[in-house]
N, C-alpha and C. Protein backbone atom coordinates (compact mmCIF):
# COMPACT_ATOMS: atom_id res chain seq x y z
N MET A 1 -115.87 -22.33 -125.44
CA MET A 1 -116.02 -23.74 -125.15
C MET A 1 -117.27 -24.00 -124.32
N ASN A 2 -117.55 -23.09 -123.37
CA ASN A 2 -118.78 -23.25 -122.57
C ASN A 2 -120.02 -23.18 -123.46
N ALA A 3 -120.04 -22.24 -124.41
CA ALA A 3 -121.19 -22.12 -125.30
C ALA A 3 -121.35 -23.39 -126.14
N TYR A 4 -120.23 -23.93 -126.61
CA TYR A 4 -120.25 -25.17 -127.40
C TYR A 4 -120.86 -26.30 -126.57
N ILE A 5 -120.41 -26.47 -125.34
CA ILE A 5 -120.92 -27.55 -124.49
C ILE A 5 -122.38 -27.32 -124.13
N GLU A 6 -122.76 -26.08 -123.86
CA GLU A 6 -124.17 -25.79 -123.56
C GLU A 6 -125.06 -26.21 -124.74
N SER A 7 -124.59 -26.00 -125.97
CA SER A 7 -125.39 -26.41 -127.13
C SER A 7 -125.42 -27.93 -127.27
N ILE A 8 -124.34 -28.60 -126.91
CA ILE A 8 -124.26 -30.07 -127.02
C ILE A 8 -125.20 -30.73 -126.00
N ILE A 9 -125.18 -30.27 -124.74
CA ILE A 9 -125.91 -30.98 -123.69
C ILE A 9 -127.43 -30.90 -123.82
N THR A 10 -127.92 -30.05 -124.71
CA THR A 10 -129.36 -30.00 -124.95
C THR A 10 -129.81 -31.05 -125.96
N ASP A 11 -128.87 -31.70 -126.61
CA ASP A 11 -129.15 -32.69 -127.65
C ASP A 11 -128.69 -34.07 -127.15
N GLN A 12 -129.62 -34.86 -126.61
CA GLN A 12 -129.27 -36.15 -126.01
C GLN A 12 -128.62 -37.13 -126.99
N GLU A 13 -129.04 -37.09 -128.24
CA GLU A 13 -128.41 -37.96 -129.25
C GLU A 13 -126.95 -37.57 -129.44
N LYS A 14 -126.69 -36.28 -129.49
CA LYS A 14 -125.32 -35.77 -129.66
C LYS A 14 -124.48 -36.15 -128.44
N VAL A 15 -125.03 -35.96 -127.24
CA VAL A 15 -124.32 -36.32 -126.02
C VAL A 15 -123.96 -37.80 -126.04
N LYS A 16 -124.92 -38.63 -126.43
CA LYS A 16 -124.68 -40.07 -126.48
C LYS A 16 -123.57 -40.41 -127.48
N SER A 17 -123.55 -39.76 -128.62
CA SER A 17 -122.54 -40.05 -129.64
C SER A 17 -121.15 -39.56 -129.23
N LEU A 18 -121.09 -38.54 -128.37
CA LEU A 18 -119.80 -37.98 -127.95
C LEU A 18 -119.38 -38.44 -126.55
N ASP A 19 -120.16 -39.33 -125.94
CA ASP A 19 -119.86 -39.81 -124.59
C ASP A 19 -118.52 -40.53 -124.57
N HIS A 20 -117.59 -40.00 -123.79
CA HIS A 20 -116.23 -40.55 -123.70
C HIS A 20 -115.99 -41.21 -122.35
N GLY A 21 -117.01 -41.20 -121.49
CA GLY A 21 -116.88 -41.67 -120.12
C GLY A 21 -116.44 -43.11 -119.96
N ALA A 22 -116.85 -44.00 -120.84
CA ALA A 22 -116.48 -45.42 -120.70
C ALA A 22 -114.98 -45.63 -120.86
N ARG A 23 -114.28 -44.68 -121.50
CA ARG A 23 -112.85 -44.81 -121.72
C ARG A 23 -112.03 -44.04 -120.69
N LEU A 24 -112.71 -43.40 -119.74
CA LEU A 24 -112.02 -42.55 -118.77
C LEU A 24 -112.27 -43.05 -117.35
N ALA A 25 -111.46 -42.56 -116.42
CA ALA A 25 -111.49 -43.04 -115.04
C ALA A 25 -112.63 -42.45 -114.21
N GLY A 26 -113.16 -41.32 -114.60
CA GLY A 26 -114.07 -40.56 -113.76
C GLY A 26 -115.37 -41.23 -113.39
N ASN A 27 -115.83 -40.92 -112.19
CA ASN A 27 -117.16 -41.26 -111.71
C ASN A 27 -117.91 -39.93 -111.66
N VAL A 28 -118.19 -39.41 -112.87
CA VAL A 28 -118.76 -38.08 -113.01
C VAL A 28 -119.98 -38.12 -113.92
N HIS A 29 -120.71 -37.02 -113.96
CA HIS A 29 -121.95 -36.90 -114.71
C HIS A 29 -121.76 -37.18 -116.20
N GLN A 30 -120.84 -36.45 -116.82
CA GLN A 30 -120.59 -36.61 -118.25
C GLN A 30 -119.15 -36.28 -118.57
N GLU A 31 -118.62 -37.02 -119.55
CA GLU A 31 -117.32 -36.72 -120.14
C GLU A 31 -117.54 -36.74 -121.65
N ILE A 32 -117.47 -35.55 -122.25
CA ILE A 32 -117.88 -35.36 -123.63
C ILE A 32 -116.66 -35.09 -124.50
N LEU A 33 -116.46 -35.93 -125.49
CA LEU A 33 -115.35 -35.79 -126.43
C LEU A 33 -115.56 -34.54 -127.28
N LEU A 34 -114.50 -33.76 -127.45
CA LEU A 34 -114.60 -32.60 -128.35
C LEU A 34 -114.53 -33.09 -129.79
N GLU A 35 -115.43 -32.58 -130.61
CA GLU A 35 -115.48 -32.96 -132.01
C GLU A 35 -114.30 -32.36 -132.77
N PRO A 36 -113.71 -33.11 -133.71
CA PRO A 36 -112.58 -32.59 -134.49
C PRO A 36 -112.90 -31.27 -135.19
N GLU A 37 -114.13 -31.14 -135.70
CA GLU A 37 -114.52 -29.90 -136.39
C GLU A 37 -114.48 -28.71 -135.44
N PHE A 38 -114.95 -28.92 -134.20
CA PHE A 38 -114.93 -27.84 -133.22
C PHE A 38 -113.50 -27.49 -132.85
N MET A 39 -112.66 -28.51 -132.62
CA MET A 39 -111.26 -28.25 -132.28
C MET A 39 -110.56 -27.49 -133.40
N GLN A 40 -110.88 -27.83 -134.64
CA GLN A 40 -110.29 -27.12 -135.78
C GLN A 40 -110.80 -25.68 -135.83
N HIS A 41 -112.09 -25.51 -135.60
CA HIS A 41 -112.70 -24.17 -135.64
C HIS A 41 -112.04 -23.22 -134.63
N ILE A 42 -111.79 -23.70 -133.43
CA ILE A 42 -111.19 -22.82 -132.41
C ILE A 42 -109.66 -22.91 -132.40
N ARG A 43 -109.10 -23.69 -133.32
CA ARG A 43 -107.64 -23.86 -133.45
C ARG A 43 -107.03 -24.41 -132.15
N TRP A 44 -107.75 -25.37 -131.55
CA TRP A 44 -107.38 -25.95 -130.26
C TRP A 44 -106.02 -26.65 -130.31
N VAL A 45 -105.78 -27.49 -131.30
CA VAL A 45 -104.52 -28.22 -131.39
C VAL A 45 -103.37 -27.24 -131.63
N GLU A 46 -103.60 -26.28 -132.50
CA GLU A 46 -102.56 -25.27 -132.77
C GLU A 46 -102.22 -24.50 -131.50
N TYR A 47 -103.26 -24.08 -130.77
CA TYR A 47 -103.03 -23.33 -129.53
C TYR A 47 -102.29 -24.19 -128.50
N MET A 48 -102.75 -25.43 -128.31
CA MET A 48 -102.08 -26.29 -127.33
C MET A 48 -100.64 -26.59 -127.77
N GLY A 49 -100.40 -26.66 -129.07
CA GLY A 49 -99.03 -26.82 -129.56
C GLY A 49 -98.14 -25.66 -129.15
N LEU A 50 -98.65 -24.44 -129.27
CA LEU A 50 -97.89 -23.26 -128.85
C LEU A 50 -97.62 -23.28 -127.34
N VAL A 51 -98.64 -23.65 -126.59
CA VAL A 51 -98.49 -23.71 -125.13
C VAL A 51 -97.47 -24.78 -124.74
N CYS A 52 -97.57 -25.96 -125.35
CA CYS A 52 -96.63 -27.04 -125.04
C CYS A 52 -95.21 -26.69 -125.47
N ASP A 53 -95.06 -25.98 -126.59
CA ASP A 53 -93.74 -25.54 -127.04
C ASP A 53 -93.10 -24.62 -125.98
N GLU A 54 -93.88 -23.67 -125.47
CA GLU A 54 -93.35 -22.78 -124.42
C GLU A 54 -92.99 -23.56 -123.16
N TRP A 55 -93.83 -24.53 -122.80
CA TRP A 55 -93.57 -25.37 -121.62
C TRP A 55 -92.25 -26.12 -121.79
N LEU A 56 -92.04 -26.71 -122.98
CA LEU A 56 -90.79 -27.44 -123.23
C LEU A 56 -89.58 -26.51 -123.19
N LYS A 57 -89.71 -25.32 -123.76
CA LYS A 57 -88.60 -24.37 -123.75
C LYS A 57 -88.23 -23.98 -122.32
N CYS A 58 -89.24 -23.73 -121.51
CA CYS A 58 -89.00 -23.28 -120.13
C CYS A 58 -88.51 -24.39 -119.21
N THR A 59 -89.01 -25.61 -119.40
CA THR A 59 -88.69 -26.68 -118.45
C THR A 59 -87.58 -27.60 -118.91
N ARG A 60 -87.40 -27.77 -120.21
CA ARG A 60 -86.44 -28.76 -120.72
C ARG A 60 -85.48 -28.19 -121.75
N ASN A 61 -85.56 -26.91 -122.06
CA ASN A 61 -84.71 -26.29 -123.07
C ASN A 61 -84.81 -27.03 -124.41
N ARG A 62 -86.01 -27.40 -124.75
CA ARG A 62 -86.27 -28.12 -126.00
C ARG A 62 -87.37 -27.39 -126.77
N GLU A 63 -87.46 -27.66 -128.06
CA GLU A 63 -88.51 -27.07 -128.88
C GLU A 63 -89.41 -28.15 -129.44
N LEU A 64 -90.67 -27.80 -129.58
CA LEU A 64 -91.67 -28.72 -130.11
C LEU A 64 -91.62 -28.68 -131.64
N LYS A 65 -91.49 -29.84 -132.26
CA LYS A 65 -91.53 -29.92 -133.72
C LYS A 65 -92.94 -30.24 -134.20
N GLY A 66 -93.71 -30.91 -133.36
CA GLY A 66 -95.07 -31.26 -133.73
C GLY A 66 -95.84 -31.82 -132.55
N ILE A 67 -97.15 -31.79 -132.67
CA ILE A 67 -98.00 -32.33 -131.61
C ILE A 67 -99.16 -33.07 -132.27
N ASN A 68 -99.50 -34.21 -131.70
CA ASN A 68 -100.64 -34.99 -132.18
C ASN A 68 -101.61 -35.15 -131.02
N MET A 69 -102.74 -34.49 -131.13
CA MET A 69 -103.77 -34.56 -130.09
C MET A 69 -104.42 -35.94 -130.15
N ILE A 70 -104.33 -36.70 -129.06
CA ILE A 70 -104.96 -38.02 -129.01
C ILE A 70 -106.46 -37.85 -128.78
N HIS A 71 -106.80 -37.13 -127.72
CA HIS A 71 -108.19 -36.82 -127.39
C HIS A 71 -108.24 -35.52 -126.60
N SER A 72 -109.38 -34.89 -126.67
CA SER A 72 -109.67 -33.76 -125.81
C SER A 72 -111.14 -33.87 -125.44
N TRP A 73 -111.46 -33.59 -124.18
CA TRP A 73 -112.82 -33.81 -123.71
C TRP A 73 -113.17 -32.85 -122.59
N ILE A 74 -114.46 -32.73 -122.37
CA ILE A 74 -115.02 -31.91 -121.30
C ILE A 74 -115.48 -32.84 -120.18
N VAL A 75 -115.14 -32.48 -118.94
CA VAL A 75 -115.61 -33.22 -117.77
C VAL A 75 -116.65 -32.36 -117.07
N ARG A 76 -117.85 -32.93 -116.91
CA ARG A 76 -118.93 -32.26 -116.18
C ARG A 76 -119.09 -33.00 -114.85
N GLN A 77 -118.65 -32.36 -113.78
CA GLN A 77 -118.68 -32.98 -112.45
C GLN A 77 -119.65 -32.21 -111.57
N PHE A 78 -120.44 -32.98 -110.82
CA PHE A 78 -121.40 -32.39 -109.88
C PHE A 78 -121.17 -32.95 -108.49
N LYS A 79 -121.95 -32.45 -107.54
CA LYS A 79 -121.83 -32.83 -106.13
C LYS A 79 -121.65 -34.34 -105.95
N ASN A 80 -120.69 -34.72 -105.10
CA ASN A 80 -120.37 -36.10 -104.70
C ASN A 80 -119.73 -36.93 -105.80
N GLU A 81 -119.46 -36.37 -106.96
CA GLU A 81 -118.77 -37.10 -108.02
C GLU A 81 -117.27 -36.86 -107.89
N TYR A 82 -116.46 -37.73 -108.50
CA TYR A 82 -115.01 -37.62 -108.35
C TYR A 82 -114.30 -38.31 -109.50
N ASN A 83 -113.01 -38.07 -109.58
CA ASN A 83 -112.13 -38.74 -110.52
C ASN A 83 -111.09 -39.46 -109.69
N PRO A 84 -111.06 -40.79 -109.67
CA PRO A 84 -110.11 -41.52 -108.83
C PRO A 84 -108.67 -41.37 -109.35
N VAL A 85 -107.72 -41.81 -108.58
CA VAL A 85 -106.31 -41.74 -108.97
C VAL A 85 -106.14 -42.46 -110.31
N HIS A 86 -105.50 -41.76 -111.25
CA HIS A 86 -105.28 -42.32 -112.58
C HIS A 86 -104.16 -41.55 -113.28
N HIS A 87 -103.77 -42.03 -114.43
CA HIS A 87 -102.83 -41.32 -115.29
C HIS A 87 -103.40 -41.34 -116.70
N HIS A 88 -102.77 -40.63 -117.61
CA HIS A 88 -103.27 -40.49 -118.98
C HIS A 88 -102.35 -41.18 -119.97
N SER A 89 -102.76 -41.17 -121.23
CA SER A 89 -101.93 -41.71 -122.31
C SER A 89 -101.18 -40.57 -122.99
N GLY A 90 -100.24 -40.93 -123.85
CA GLY A 90 -99.47 -39.92 -124.58
C GLY A 90 -98.26 -39.47 -123.81
N HIS A 91 -97.78 -38.27 -124.14
CA HIS A 91 -96.63 -37.67 -123.47
C HIS A 91 -97.02 -36.56 -122.50
N ILE A 92 -97.98 -35.78 -122.94
CA ILE A 92 -98.37 -34.60 -122.16
C ILE A 92 -99.88 -34.53 -122.06
N SER A 93 -100.35 -34.04 -120.93
CA SER A 93 -101.78 -33.86 -120.70
C SER A 93 -102.00 -32.48 -120.12
N GLY A 94 -103.25 -32.07 -120.13
CA GLY A 94 -103.58 -30.77 -119.56
C GLY A 94 -105.01 -30.74 -119.08
N VAL A 95 -105.27 -29.81 -118.17
CA VAL A 95 -106.62 -29.59 -117.69
C VAL A 95 -106.81 -28.09 -117.47
N GLY A 96 -107.95 -27.58 -117.94
CA GLY A 96 -108.30 -26.18 -117.75
C GLY A 96 -109.71 -26.08 -117.20
N TYR A 97 -109.97 -25.02 -116.45
CA TYR A 97 -111.26 -24.90 -115.76
C TYR A 97 -112.17 -23.89 -116.45
N LEU A 98 -113.38 -24.36 -116.77
CA LEU A 98 -114.38 -23.56 -117.47
C LEU A 98 -115.49 -23.08 -116.56
N LYS A 99 -115.81 -23.86 -115.53
CA LYS A 99 -116.81 -23.49 -114.51
C LYS A 99 -116.35 -24.09 -113.19
N VAL A 100 -116.50 -23.32 -112.12
CA VAL A 100 -116.14 -23.81 -110.79
C VAL A 100 -117.22 -23.34 -109.81
N PRO A 101 -117.78 -24.25 -109.01
CA PRO A 101 -118.78 -23.85 -108.03
C PRO A 101 -118.25 -22.81 -107.04
N GLN A 102 -119.13 -21.93 -106.61
CA GLN A 102 -118.77 -20.93 -105.60
C GLN A 102 -118.41 -21.58 -104.27
N ASN A 103 -119.13 -22.66 -103.95
CA ASN A 103 -118.97 -23.31 -102.65
C ASN A 103 -118.73 -24.80 -102.86
N MET A 104 -117.56 -25.28 -102.50
CA MET A 104 -117.23 -26.70 -102.66
C MET A 104 -117.63 -27.52 -101.42
N GLY A 105 -118.15 -26.84 -100.40
CA GLY A 105 -118.55 -27.54 -99.19
C GLY A 105 -117.49 -27.47 -98.11
N SER A 106 -117.91 -27.72 -96.91
CA SER A 106 -116.97 -27.65 -95.79
C SER A 106 -116.51 -29.04 -95.40
N SER A 107 -115.47 -29.07 -94.60
CA SER A 107 -114.95 -30.33 -94.08
C SER A 107 -115.95 -30.91 -93.08
N ASN A 108 -116.03 -32.21 -92.98
CA ASN A 108 -116.96 -32.85 -92.04
C ASN A 108 -116.50 -32.74 -90.60
N GLN A 109 -115.24 -32.41 -90.38
CA GLN A 109 -114.69 -32.32 -89.03
C GLN A 109 -114.19 -30.90 -88.77
N ASP A 110 -114.73 -30.25 -87.75
CA ASP A 110 -114.27 -28.91 -87.39
C ASP A 110 -112.80 -28.94 -87.01
N GLY A 111 -112.09 -27.90 -87.39
CA GLY A 111 -110.70 -27.76 -87.00
C GLY A 111 -109.72 -28.56 -87.84
N LYS A 112 -110.21 -29.30 -88.82
CA LYS A 112 -109.34 -30.08 -89.69
C LYS A 112 -108.58 -29.11 -90.60
N PRO A 113 -107.24 -29.23 -90.67
CA PRO A 113 -106.50 -28.32 -91.55
C PRO A 113 -106.76 -28.66 -93.02
N GLY A 114 -107.01 -27.64 -93.81
CA GLY A 114 -107.23 -27.83 -95.23
C GLY A 114 -108.57 -28.48 -95.54
N ASN A 115 -109.01 -28.30 -96.75
CA ASN A 115 -110.26 -28.89 -97.22
C ASN A 115 -110.05 -29.26 -98.68
N PRO A 116 -109.95 -30.55 -98.99
CA PRO A 116 -109.66 -30.94 -100.37
C PRO A 116 -110.86 -30.93 -101.31
N ASN A 117 -112.05 -30.60 -100.83
CA ASN A 117 -113.26 -30.69 -101.66
C ASN A 117 -113.08 -30.02 -103.02
N GLY A 118 -113.31 -30.79 -104.09
CA GLY A 118 -113.27 -30.27 -105.44
C GLY A 118 -111.89 -30.00 -106.00
N LYS A 119 -110.85 -30.26 -105.23
CA LYS A 119 -109.49 -29.95 -105.68
C LYS A 119 -108.92 -31.04 -106.57
N LEU A 120 -108.02 -30.61 -107.43
CA LEU A 120 -107.19 -31.50 -108.23
C LEU A 120 -105.97 -31.82 -107.38
N VAL A 121 -105.56 -33.08 -107.34
CA VAL A 121 -104.36 -33.44 -106.58
C VAL A 121 -103.43 -34.22 -107.50
N PHE A 122 -102.18 -33.75 -107.59
CA PHE A 122 -101.13 -34.46 -108.31
C PHE A 122 -100.37 -35.30 -107.31
N ILE A 123 -99.98 -36.51 -107.71
CA ILE A 123 -99.35 -37.47 -106.81
C ILE A 123 -98.08 -37.99 -107.46
N HIS A 124 -96.95 -37.86 -106.75
CA HIS A 124 -95.68 -38.36 -107.29
C HIS A 124 -94.79 -38.83 -106.16
N GLY A 125 -94.36 -40.06 -106.23
CA GLY A 125 -93.48 -40.60 -105.20
C GLY A 125 -94.22 -40.91 -103.92
N SER A 126 -93.45 -40.99 -102.86
CA SER A 126 -94.03 -41.26 -101.55
C SER A 126 -93.59 -40.18 -100.57
N PRO A 127 -94.34 -39.96 -99.51
CA PRO A 127 -93.99 -38.90 -98.57
C PRO A 127 -92.63 -39.17 -97.93
N ASN A 128 -91.88 -38.11 -97.72
CA ASN A 128 -90.62 -38.23 -96.99
C ASN A 128 -90.35 -36.93 -96.24
N VAL A 129 -89.26 -36.89 -95.53
CA VAL A 129 -88.95 -35.75 -94.67
C VAL A 129 -88.79 -34.45 -95.44
N PHE A 130 -88.23 -34.52 -96.64
CA PHE A 130 -87.85 -33.30 -97.35
C PHE A 130 -88.75 -32.92 -98.53
N CYS A 131 -89.74 -33.75 -98.84
CA CYS A 131 -90.52 -33.48 -100.05
C CYS A 131 -91.94 -34.01 -99.90
N GLU A 132 -92.90 -33.19 -100.27
CA GLU A 132 -94.29 -33.63 -100.30
C GLU A 132 -94.50 -34.53 -101.51
N SER A 133 -95.37 -35.50 -101.39
CA SER A 133 -95.66 -36.38 -102.52
C SER A 133 -96.95 -36.00 -103.24
N THR A 134 -97.68 -35.02 -102.70
CA THR A 134 -98.91 -34.56 -103.34
C THR A 134 -98.93 -33.05 -103.43
N LEU A 135 -99.64 -32.57 -104.42
CA LEU A 135 -99.86 -31.14 -104.59
C LEU A 135 -101.33 -30.95 -104.89
N GLU A 136 -102.04 -30.26 -104.00
CA GLU A 136 -103.45 -29.98 -104.20
C GLU A 136 -103.63 -28.62 -104.85
N ILE A 137 -104.50 -28.56 -105.84
CA ILE A 137 -104.75 -27.33 -106.57
C ILE A 137 -106.22 -26.98 -106.49
N GLN A 138 -106.50 -25.77 -106.03
CA GLN A 138 -107.87 -25.25 -105.99
C GLN A 138 -108.21 -24.75 -107.39
N PRO A 139 -109.18 -25.35 -108.06
CA PRO A 139 -109.49 -24.91 -109.43
C PRO A 139 -110.09 -23.52 -109.45
N GLU A 140 -109.69 -22.75 -110.47
CA GLU A 140 -110.25 -21.43 -110.70
C GLU A 140 -110.50 -21.29 -112.19
N VAL A 141 -111.62 -20.70 -112.56
CA VAL A 141 -111.97 -20.52 -113.96
C VAL A 141 -110.83 -19.79 -114.66
N GLY A 142 -110.41 -20.35 -115.79
CA GLY A 142 -109.34 -19.75 -116.58
C GLY A 142 -107.97 -20.35 -116.34
N ASP A 143 -107.78 -21.04 -115.20
CA ASP A 143 -106.49 -21.68 -114.94
C ASP A 143 -106.35 -22.91 -115.82
N PHE A 144 -105.12 -23.16 -116.27
CA PHE A 144 -104.83 -24.31 -117.11
C PHE A 144 -103.51 -24.91 -116.65
N TYR A 145 -103.47 -26.23 -116.48
CA TYR A 145 -102.28 -26.93 -116.00
C TYR A 145 -101.84 -27.98 -117.00
N LEU A 146 -100.55 -27.97 -117.32
CA LEU A 146 -99.93 -29.01 -118.14
C LEU A 146 -99.18 -29.94 -117.22
N PHE A 147 -99.13 -31.23 -117.58
CA PHE A 147 -98.39 -32.19 -116.78
C PHE A 147 -98.03 -33.40 -117.62
N PRO A 148 -96.95 -34.10 -117.25
CA PRO A 148 -96.61 -35.32 -117.98
C PRO A 148 -97.75 -36.32 -117.84
N SER A 149 -98.07 -37.02 -118.91
CA SER A 149 -99.23 -37.90 -118.89
C SER A 149 -99.13 -39.02 -117.87
N TYR A 150 -97.90 -39.40 -117.49
CA TYR A 150 -97.72 -40.49 -116.51
C TYR A 150 -97.96 -40.04 -115.07
N LEU A 151 -98.06 -38.73 -114.84
CA LEU A 151 -98.23 -38.23 -113.47
C LEU A 151 -99.61 -38.61 -112.94
N GLN A 152 -99.62 -39.35 -111.85
CA GLN A 152 -100.90 -39.73 -111.26
C GLN A 152 -101.59 -38.51 -110.66
N HIS A 153 -102.90 -38.52 -110.75
CA HIS A 153 -103.68 -37.41 -110.22
C HIS A 153 -105.11 -37.88 -109.96
N ALA A 154 -105.84 -37.06 -109.23
CA ALA A 154 -107.23 -37.36 -108.89
C ALA A 154 -107.97 -36.05 -108.67
N VAL A 155 -109.29 -36.13 -108.64
CA VAL A 155 -110.11 -34.97 -108.30
C VAL A 155 -111.05 -35.40 -107.18
N TYR A 156 -110.99 -34.65 -106.09
CA TYR A 156 -111.84 -34.94 -104.94
C TYR A 156 -113.29 -34.53 -105.21
N PRO A 157 -114.24 -35.22 -104.60
CA PRO A 157 -115.64 -34.79 -104.72
C PRO A 157 -115.85 -33.49 -103.94
N PHE A 158 -116.93 -32.82 -104.24
CA PHE A 158 -117.32 -31.64 -103.47
C PHE A 158 -118.75 -31.83 -103.02
N SER A 159 -119.19 -31.01 -102.04
CA SER A 159 -120.52 -31.25 -101.47
C SER A 159 -121.33 -29.99 -101.23
N GLY A 160 -120.80 -28.83 -101.49
CA GLY A 160 -121.46 -27.61 -101.06
C GLY A 160 -122.56 -27.07 -101.93
N THR A 161 -122.74 -27.58 -103.15
CA THR A 161 -123.65 -26.95 -104.07
C THR A 161 -124.09 -27.94 -105.15
N ASP A 162 -125.13 -27.57 -105.86
CA ASP A 162 -125.55 -28.36 -107.01
C ASP A 162 -124.95 -27.83 -108.32
N GLU A 163 -124.07 -26.82 -108.20
CA GLU A 163 -123.45 -26.24 -109.39
C GLU A 163 -122.47 -27.23 -110.03
N GLU A 164 -122.20 -26.98 -111.29
CA GLU A 164 -121.29 -27.82 -112.07
C GLU A 164 -119.84 -27.35 -111.93
N ARG A 165 -118.93 -28.32 -111.87
CA ARG A 165 -117.49 -28.07 -111.97
C ARG A 165 -117.13 -28.60 -113.34
N ARG A 166 -116.76 -27.71 -114.27
CA ARG A 166 -116.53 -28.10 -115.66
C ARG A 166 -115.07 -27.83 -116.03
N SER A 167 -114.46 -28.84 -116.65
CA SER A 167 -113.07 -28.68 -117.09
C SER A 167 -112.90 -29.26 -118.48
N VAL A 168 -111.84 -28.83 -119.15
CA VAL A 168 -111.46 -29.39 -120.44
C VAL A 168 -110.10 -30.05 -120.26
N SER A 169 -109.94 -31.24 -120.81
CA SER A 169 -108.68 -31.98 -120.69
C SER A 169 -108.22 -32.43 -122.06
N PHE A 170 -106.94 -32.77 -122.15
CA PHE A 170 -106.42 -33.34 -123.39
C PHE A 170 -105.24 -34.25 -123.09
N ASN A 171 -104.98 -35.14 -124.04
CA ASN A 171 -103.79 -35.98 -124.07
C ASN A 171 -103.16 -35.79 -125.44
N ALA A 172 -101.83 -35.67 -125.49
CA ALA A 172 -101.16 -35.49 -126.76
C ALA A 172 -99.81 -36.19 -126.77
N VAL A 173 -99.37 -36.49 -127.98
CA VAL A 173 -98.03 -37.01 -128.21
C VAL A 173 -97.23 -35.87 -128.81
N MET A 174 -96.02 -35.66 -128.28
CA MET A 174 -95.18 -34.57 -128.75
C MET A 174 -93.99 -35.11 -129.53
N ASP A 175 -93.58 -34.36 -130.53
CA ASP A 175 -92.34 -34.61 -131.24
C ASP A 175 -91.47 -33.40 -130.93
N ALA A 176 -90.40 -33.64 -130.15
CA ALA A 176 -89.54 -32.54 -129.72
C ALA A 176 -88.16 -32.69 -130.33
N ASP A 177 -87.40 -31.59 -130.36
CA ASP A 177 -86.03 -31.69 -130.88
C ASP A 177 -85.17 -32.52 -129.94
N ALA A 178 -83.97 -32.78 -130.32
CA ALA A 178 -83.09 -33.69 -129.56
C ALA A 178 -82.15 -32.94 -128.62
N ALA A 179 -82.51 -31.73 -128.21
CA ALA A 179 -81.66 -30.97 -127.29
C ALA A 179 -81.45 -31.76 -126.00
N ALA A 180 -80.32 -31.53 -125.36
CA ALA A 180 -79.98 -32.26 -124.13
C ALA A 180 -80.94 -31.93 -123.01
N TYR A 181 -81.16 -32.93 -122.17
CA TYR A 181 -81.98 -32.71 -120.99
C TYR A 181 -81.12 -31.99 -119.98
């Protein structure tokens, strides 16, 4: 996927034709729609179908009968760019990391616990005594996360480097069996 994107970004006409940013929440450098031919070549929908089937079996004791990929795209994020709180369309979404900067930058205040720079944050509910309402994830190349499309999430900006933070995302509609929840 990285080689595919590297070949795309050298062709400004191609980038312009595949620009998906106007339809997405991000305030990032580029959001490039994956071409259907490329997804077919790498068997992307088939692979994500297998992954989603396993996810359904493990979490809901259900089996996937079919999957319809709505969109899949690459997010190219650089220093000080971010993805504000948003949710996706469809039933299921995912994000995987293709490039991650070595240094996301330090916190502006010494002694501050944690540093959210460049992290993905999932948001559900409101804070309470017994349960956190957010989950921050430090991206690592090769990690892939599935989540319900309605789950709100965001990506914090980073400041430590001029390197690219690159991810692949998708939205899909699932057709699952009628097993009990």
